[in-house]
């Protein structure tokens, strides 16, 4: 791999909790693997559900582990997170319970992080108007959009009911049709790696760095499966963002 290759790592759904310290150990193993990547990533994205119950101790554990990463770390909340506590410990932009969202440069790629959290709900929402404003600011810069809830249906019966509303998905598809600079949308939430598309834009869901869910295409259940933990490595290749699933050793 060339030295100037742009790599962005995505870690998702660690679900840290003080009463299950093994989750922090597993997250630490994922972070260790990230520190050994060559070339080093230009940024690391955390796409939500850092904590399982949004308690301060979980974010403090995450902060201690993430300190091993020398590159910028950008975080957005998931439905299990608490914005104010996450912001206070991990230093996310904004104040108090404001939405945690950002637009930053990661090498040649502009990364827009969207907040899809509805406090107290598993389902998500997306401020499409805010995203439209961000996309309008840099219409020619290659852009990666990150959010927790997938903006597509993925055929996972139970999880598809916990995503974004159909009206929001339609509005996002219309917006993306006006912005060819968007290379990809990356998400978490479903604890599985899957690929789909919204309009012309690919959508990738990341595995959890801790535990995966069994795929249920017809039923109405959520069950932890035996698939290994993992994270995503997104690599810019000839103007396209190629996504690799990196398994994490069970510890």
Foldseek 3Di string as FASTA:
>chain_A
DDQPWAKEWEAEQLQDDPVCCLSLVLVLLQLVVQVPDPPRHQEYEYAANQHQQADLVSLQSVVVSCVVRPHYYAYAYAQRHQVQSNCVRVVFDDHGRPGRWDWDDRDQEIETEWHFYDHPALATETDVVVVLVVCVVCLQGQYEYEHAFDLDQFLQVQSSVRHYDPVRSVSNLVSVVVRPSYQEYEYESQQDWDWDDRNPHIYTYWHHSGWHWDRDRPDHDTDTDDDAGWIWMWIQDPNHTDIDTGGGDND
